[in-house]
Amino acid sequence: MNMTIKSVHFDADDLTKELIETRLQKIDFAADKIVDLDFTLTKEKGHSFALEAKIHFRWGTTAVIKTGGYELHKAINELIDKLDQKVRKEVEKAQEHKP
């Protein structure tokens, strides 16, 4: 699984990147089913953050999960929780369609 973290209008510190990597352990069960996982963390006007995760599955499906908030780390936790739900749903769907 290739992962990229891009920050826009600010520099994401090592603590933020570590938080993402640590929280991603929730989806370790599907690491072999994910080709790319791209995070974009954008600092908006008014000190809020817009977060987006784009996930590319091995079978060609792409999903985009978005969230936001004023506290970056709280928003990251929310994004990873949504990502976990989406991954579980997609993996389940893919297993149902296996011949």
N, C-alpha and C. Protein backbone atom coordinates (compact mmCIF):
# COMPACT_ATOMS: atom_id res chain seq x y z
N MET A 1 0.85 -1.17 0.00
CA MET A 1 0.00 0.00 0.00
C MET A 1 0.90 1.24 0.00
N ASN A 2 0.70 2.09 -0.99
CA ASN A 2 1.42 3.36 -1.05
C ASN A 2 0.57 4.42 -0.36
N MET A 3 1.21 5.18 0.53
CA MET A 3 0.48 6.23 1.24
C MET A 3 1.20 7.56 1.07
N THR A 4 0.42 8.61 0.78
CA THR A 4 0.97 9.96 0.73
C THR A 4 0.14 10.86 1.62
N ILE A 5 0.82 11.81 2.24
CA ILE A 5 0.15 12.81 3.08
C ILE A 5 0.58 14.17 2.55
N LYS A 6 -0.38 14.94 2.09
CA LYS A 6 -0.09 16.26 1.54
C LYS A 6 -0.82 17.30 2.39
N SER A 7 -0.09 18.33 2.81
CA SER A 7 -0.72 19.41 3.57
C SER A 7 -0.73 20.67 2.70
N VAL A 8 -1.85 21.38 2.72
CA VAL A 8 -2.04 22.57 1.91
C VAL A 8 -2.25 23.77 2.84
N HIS A 9 -1.52 24.84 2.61
CA HIS A 9 -1.58 26.09 3.38
C HIS A 9 -1.01 25.96 4.79
N PHE A 10 -0.32 24.85 5.07
CA PHE A 10 0.39 24.68 6.34
C PHE A 10 1.31 23.47 6.19
N ASP A 11 2.24 23.32 7.11
CA ASP A 11 3.13 22.16 7.11
C ASP A 11 2.69 21.20 8.21
N ALA A 12 2.33 20.00 7.81
CA ALA A 12 1.94 18.99 8.78
C ALA A 12 3.19 18.54 9.54
N ASP A 13 3.13 18.58 10.86
CA ASP A 13 4.28 18.18 11.65
C ASP A 13 4.36 16.66 11.78
N ASP A 14 5.47 16.19 12.33
CA ASP A 14 5.69 14.75 12.47
C ASP A 14 4.64 14.10 13.37
N LEU A 15 4.18 14.83 14.39
CA LEU A 15 3.17 14.30 15.29
C LEU A 15 1.87 14.00 14.53
N THR A 16 1.49 14.88 13.62
CA THR A 16 0.29 14.69 12.82
C THR A 16 0.45 13.48 11.91
N LYS A 17 1.60 13.34 11.27
CA LYS A 17 1.85 12.20 10.39
C LYS A 17 1.87 10.90 11.17
N GLU A 18 2.46 10.93 12.37
CA GLU A 18 2.49 9.74 13.22
C GLU A 18 1.09 9.34 13.65
N LEU A 19 0.25 10.34 13.94
CA LEU A 19 -1.13 10.06 14.34
C LEU A 19 -1.86 9.32 13.22
N ILE A 20 -1.70 9.80 11.99
CA ILE A 20 -2.34 9.15 10.84
C ILE A 20 -1.84 7.72 10.70
N GLU A 21 -0.52 7.54 10.75
CA GLU A 21 0.05 6.20 10.59
C GLU A 21 -0.39 5.25 11.71
N THR A 22 -0.45 5.76 12.93
CA THR A 22 -0.87 4.94 14.06
C THR A 22 -2.33 4.54 13.93
N ARG A 23 -3.18 5.50 13.58
CA ARG A 23 -4.62 5.24 13.45
C ARG A 23 -4.92 4.31 12.27
N LEU A 24 -4.05 4.30 11.27
CA LEU A 24 -4.27 3.45 10.10
C LEU A 24 -4.10 1.96 10.42
N GLN A 25 -3.61 1.65 11.60
CA GLN A 25 -3.49 0.25 12.00
C GLN A 25 -4.88 -0.41 12.03
N LYS A 26 -5.93 0.41 12.12
CA LYS A 26 -7.30 -0.11 12.11
C LYS A 26 -7.61 -0.83 10.80
N ILE A 27 -6.96 -0.41 9.72
CA ILE A 27 -7.27 -1.03 8.42
C ILE A 27 -6.14 -1.95 7.94
N ASP A 28 -5.28 -2.38 8.85
CA ASP A 28 -4.19 -3.30 8.48
C ASP A 28 -4.73 -4.59 7.85
N PHE A 29 -5.93 -5.00 8.26
CA PHE A 29 -6.51 -6.23 7.73
C PHE A 29 -6.71 -6.14 6.21
N ALA A 30 -6.79 -4.92 5.67
CA ALA A 30 -7.05 -4.74 4.24
C ALA A 30 -5.86 -4.14 3.49
N ALA A 31 -4.70 -4.10 4.12
CA ALA A 31 -3.53 -3.46 3.50
C ALA A 31 -3.18 -4.07 2.15
N ASP A 32 -3.39 -5.37 1.99
CA ASP A 32 -3.08 -6.01 0.71
C ASP A 32 -4.15 -5.74 -0.35
N LYS A 33 -5.28 -5.18 0.04
CA LYS A 33 -6.36 -4.89 -0.90
C LYS A 33 -6.35 -3.43 -1.36
N ILE A 34 -5.49 -2.62 -0.75
CA ILE A 34 -5.41 -1.19 -1.06
C ILE A 34 -4.13 -0.94 -1.84
N VAL A 35 -4.27 -0.24 -2.98
CA VAL A 35 -3.11 0.08 -3.80
C VAL A 35 -2.52 1.41 -3.33
N ASP A 36 -3.34 2.46 -3.30
CA ASP A 36 -2.89 3.79 -2.90
C ASP A 36 -3.85 4.38 -1.88
N LEU A 37 -3.29 5.16 -0.98
CA LEU A 37 -4.08 5.89 0.00
C LEU A 37 -3.48 7.29 0.10
N ASP A 38 -4.23 8.29 -0.37
CA ASP A 38 -3.73 9.66 -0.42
C ASP A 38 -4.52 10.55 0.53
N PHE A 39 -3.81 11.21 1.43
CA PHE A 39 -4.43 12.14 2.35
C PHE A 39 -4.11 13.57 1.93
N THR A 40 -5.11 14.44 1.94
CA THR A 40 -4.90 15.86 1.70
C THR A 40 -5.48 16.61 2.89
N LEU A 41 -4.62 17.32 3.60
CA LEU A 41 -5.03 18.11 4.77
C LEU A 41 -4.91 19.57 4.38
N THR A 42 -6.03 20.28 4.36
CA THR A 42 -6.04 21.67 3.91
C THR A 42 -6.47 22.59 5.04
N LYS A 43 -5.67 23.62 5.27
CA LYS A 43 -6.04 24.62 6.26
C LYS A 43 -6.86 25.70 5.54
N GLU A 44 -8.10 25.86 6.00
CA GLU A 44 -9.02 26.82 5.39
C GLU A 44 -8.92 28.16 6.11
N LYS A 45 -9.57 29.16 5.54
CA LYS A 45 -9.66 30.46 6.23
C LYS A 45 -10.49 30.26 7.49
N GLY A 46 -10.20 31.02 8.51
CA GLY A 46 -10.93 30.88 9.76
C GLY A 46 -10.42 29.77 10.64
N HIS A 47 -9.22 29.28 10.37
CA HIS A 47 -8.53 28.27 11.19
C HIS A 47 -9.22 26.91 11.21
N SER A 48 -10.05 26.61 10.23
CA SER A 48 -10.63 25.28 10.16
C SER A 48 -9.82 24.43 9.17
N PHE A 49 -10.04 23.14 9.22
CA PHE A 49 -9.32 22.21 8.36
C PHE A 49 -10.32 21.40 7.54
N ALA A 50 -9.96 21.15 6.30
CA ALA A 50 -10.72 20.25 5.42
C ALA A 50 -9.81 19.06 5.13
N LEU A 51 -10.29 17.88 5.42
CA LEU A 51 -9.49 16.67 5.25
C LEU A 51 -10.14 15.76 4.22
N GLU A 52 -9.29 15.14 3.42
CA GLU A 52 -9.79 14.23 2.39
C GLU A 52 -8.86 13.03 2.30
N ALA A 53 -9.45 11.87 2.18
CA ALA A 53 -8.69 10.64 1.95
C ALA A 53 -9.22 10.01 0.67
N LYS A 54 -8.31 9.72 -0.24
CA LYS A 54 -8.68 9.05 -1.48
C LYS A 54 -8.03 7.68 -1.45
N ILE A 55 -8.87 6.66 -1.59
CA ILE A 55 -8.39 5.29 -1.47
C ILE A 55 -8.65 4.53 -2.78
N HIS A 56 -7.61 3.88 -3.26
CA HIS A 56 -7.69 3.11 -4.51
C HIS A 56 -7.55 1.63 -4.16
N PHE A 57 -8.60 0.87 -4.47
CA PHE A 57 -8.59 -0.55 -4.16
C PHE A 57 -7.99 -1.35 -5.32
N ARG A 58 -7.51 -2.52 -5.01
CA ARG A 58 -6.86 -3.40 -5.97
C ARG A 58 -7.78 -3.75 -7.14
N TRP A 59 -9.08 -3.82 -6.91
CA TRP A 59 -10.02 -4.23 -7.96
C TRP A 59 -10.54 -3.05 -8.77
N GLY A 60 -9.91 -1.86 -8.62
CA GLY A 60 -10.24 -0.73 -9.48
C GLY A 60 -11.18 0.30 -8.89
N THR A 61 -11.76 0.02 -7.77
CA THR A 61 -12.67 0.97 -7.12
C THR A 61 -11.88 2.08 -6.43
N THR A 62 -12.40 3.30 -6.53
CA THR A 62 -11.81 4.44 -5.84
C THR A 62 -12.88 5.05 -4.95
N ALA A 63 -12.50 5.42 -3.74
CA ALA A 63 -13.43 6.06 -2.82
C ALA A 63 -12.78 7.32 -2.26
N VAL A 64 -13.60 8.34 -2.03
CA VAL A 64 -13.12 9.59 -1.44
C VAL A 64 -13.92 9.84 -0.18
N ILE A 65 -13.22 10.05 0.91
CA ILE A 65 -13.84 10.33 2.20
C ILE A 65 -13.40 11.72 2.62
N LYS A 66 -14.36 12.54 3.07
CA LYS A 66 -14.05 13.91 3.46
C LYS A 66 -14.62 14.21 4.84
N THR A 67 -13.92 15.07 5.55
CA THR A 67 -14.40 15.57 6.82
C THR A 67 -13.68 16.89 7.10
N GLY A 68 -14.01 17.51 8.19
CA GLY A 68 -13.36 18.77 8.52
C GLY A 68 -13.62 19.15 9.96
N GLY A 69 -12.99 20.24 10.38
CA GLY A 69 -13.19 20.69 11.74
C GLY A 69 -12.14 21.72 12.12
N TYR A 70 -12.28 22.25 13.31
CA TYR A 70 -11.34 23.25 13.80
C TYR A 70 -10.14 22.65 14.50
N GLU A 71 -10.30 21.40 14.99
CA GLU A 71 -9.18 20.72 15.64
C GLU A 71 -8.66 19.64 14.70
N LEU A 72 -7.43 19.80 14.24
CA LEU A 72 -6.86 18.91 13.23
C LEU A 72 -6.85 17.45 13.68
N HIS A 73 -6.37 17.19 14.85
CA HIS A 73 -6.23 15.79 15.29
C HIS A 73 -7.58 15.13 15.52
N LYS A 74 -8.55 15.89 16.00
CA LYS A 74 -9.90 15.36 16.17
C LYS A 74 -10.50 15.02 14.80
N ALA A 75 -10.27 15.90 13.82
CA ALA A 75 -10.77 15.67 12.46
C ALA A 75 -10.08 14.46 11.82
N ILE A 76 -8.78 14.27 12.10
CA ILE A 76 -8.06 13.11 11.58
C ILE A 76 -8.67 11.83 12.14
N ASN A 77 -8.96 11.81 13.44
CA ASN A 77 -9.57 10.63 14.05
C ASN A 77 -10.92 10.32 13.40
N GLU A 78 -11.70 11.35 13.14
CA GLU A 78 -13.00 11.18 12.49
C GLU A 78 -12.82 10.64 11.07
N LEU A 79 -11.85 11.18 10.34
CA LEU A 79 -11.58 10.74 8.97
C LEU A 79 -11.17 9.27 8.93
N ILE A 80 -10.30 8.87 9.85
CA ILE A 80 -9.84 7.48 9.88
C ILE A 80 -10.99 6.54 10.24
N ASP A 81 -11.88 6.98 11.14
CA ASP A 81 -13.05 6.16 11.48
C ASP A 81 -13.94 5.96 10.25
N LYS A 82 -14.17 7.04 9.50
CA LYS A 82 -14.97 6.93 8.27
C LYS A 82 -14.27 6.05 7.24
N LEU A 83 -12.96 6.19 7.15
CA LEU A 83 -12.16 5.41 6.22
C LEU A 83 -12.27 3.92 6.57
N ASP A 84 -12.19 3.61 7.85
CA ASP A 84 -12.30 2.24 8.32
C ASP A 84 -13.64 1.64 7.91
N GLN A 85 -14.72 2.39 8.10
CA GLN A 85 -16.05 1.92 7.72
C GLN A 85 -16.13 1.66 6.21
N LYS A 86 -15.59 2.58 5.42
CA LYS A 86 -15.63 2.44 3.97
C LYS A 86 -14.83 1.24 3.50
N VAL A 87 -13.64 1.07 4.06
CA VAL A 87 -12.79 -0.06 3.68
C VAL A 87 -13.50 -1.37 4.00
N ARG A 88 -14.07 -1.47 5.20
CA ARG A 88 -14.78 -2.70 5.59
C ARG A 88 -15.93 -3.00 4.63
N LYS A 89 -16.67 -1.97 4.26
CA LYS A 89 -17.81 -2.13 3.35
C LYS A 89 -17.34 -2.57 1.97
N GLU A 90 -16.29 -1.95 1.44
CA GLU A 90 -15.78 -2.29 0.11
C GLU A 90 -15.19 -3.70 0.07
N VAL A 91 -14.45 -4.06 1.10
CA VAL A 91 -13.84 -5.40 1.15
C VAL A 91 -14.95 -6.45 1.23
N GLU A 92 -15.97 -6.18 2.02
CA GLU A 92 -17.11 -7.10 2.14
C GLU A 92 -17.81 -7.25 0.79
N LYS A 93 -18.01 -6.12 0.10
CA LYS A 93 -18.65 -6.13 -1.22
C LYS A 93 -17.82 -6.94 -2.22
N ALA A 94 -16.53 -6.76 -2.20
CA ALA A 94 -15.64 -7.46 -3.12
C ALA A 94 -15.64 -8.96 -2.86
N GLN A 95 -15.72 -9.34 -1.60
CA GLN A 95 -15.73 -10.76 -1.26
C GLN A 95 -17.04 -11.40 -1.68
N GLU A 96 -18.15 -10.65 -1.66
CA GLU A 96 -19.45 -11.18 -2.08
C GLU A 96 -19.46 -11.46 -3.57
N HIS A 97 -18.68 -10.68 -4.34
CA HIS A 97 -18.70 -10.82 -5.79
C HIS A 97 -17.65 -11.80 -6.33
N LYS A 98 -16.89 -12.40 -5.43
CA LYS A 98 -15.88 -13.37 -5.87
C LYS A 98 -16.58 -14.61 -6.42
N PRO A 99 -16.07 -15.15 -7.51
CA PRO A 99 -16.69 -16.37 -8.09
C PRO A 99 -16.41 -17.59 -7.24
